[in-house]
Amino acid sequence: MGHLVSDFITLLVVVDPLAASSVFLAVTAGVTAPAKRRIATLAVLFALGVCLFFIVVGQIIIEAMGISLRAFQIAGGIVLFLFAASMILSDPKEPAGGGDGGVASLAVYPLAIPAIAGPGTMLTVMLLTDNDRFGVVDQALTTAMVLAVLVVQYMLLVLAEQVSRVIGKSGASVLRRIMGMILASVAVNAVLVGIGSWVGLPKP
């Protein structure tokens, strides 16, 4: 039980549902309520697909290509930093129309990737289901924790409309930039930890 609780908390911190919800508020400004619900549903489903992919074959593919998990962590941190910089420096573009194409596009980027299933999440699910350390049962239980975290994420996305009414567009803009700074810090830390572990330095 302690192992499951630890996995759940770790995944909850890495996914950071509140940060993803702030991105959701920013990129769905002006979108109708039904479209927002479709975007939230698709984003969580796409994120689940990404997590399952990395749980099942992510480590196999990376090791087959001769890429270490540390290299993946550093690359993921760089990508996450670029996304965080865009959150801080630019305003979200208002979606053009509410068609299914626009809904699916927003659900995939930036919500499913990288806001929910970002580089940190991809790396974490691989580490928590490491084929060299965990058996099939442990991996299945960790996958259940991934599902639980994504359920929490979905609930927060659905409630984001109510939050939007309270904080307004200005509040969403401020929140977007604050979360961008936090994500940028997480990204830099991921790169530093990856480089430090490569050269044998302690975690910053």
Foldseek 3Di string as FASTA:
>chain_A
DVLLVVLLVVLLVLQVLVLLLLVLLQQAVPPDLVLLLLLLVLLLVLLLVLLVCLLPCVVVVCVVVVHDLLNLLLVLLVVLLVVLVCLQPHGHDHQDDRDPVSSNVVSPPPRSPPNRVGSSNSSSLCVQNPVVPDDPVSNVSSSVSVVVSSVVSSVSSSCSVVVCVVQDPVSSSVSSNVSSVVSNVVSVQSNQQSVCVVVVHDRD
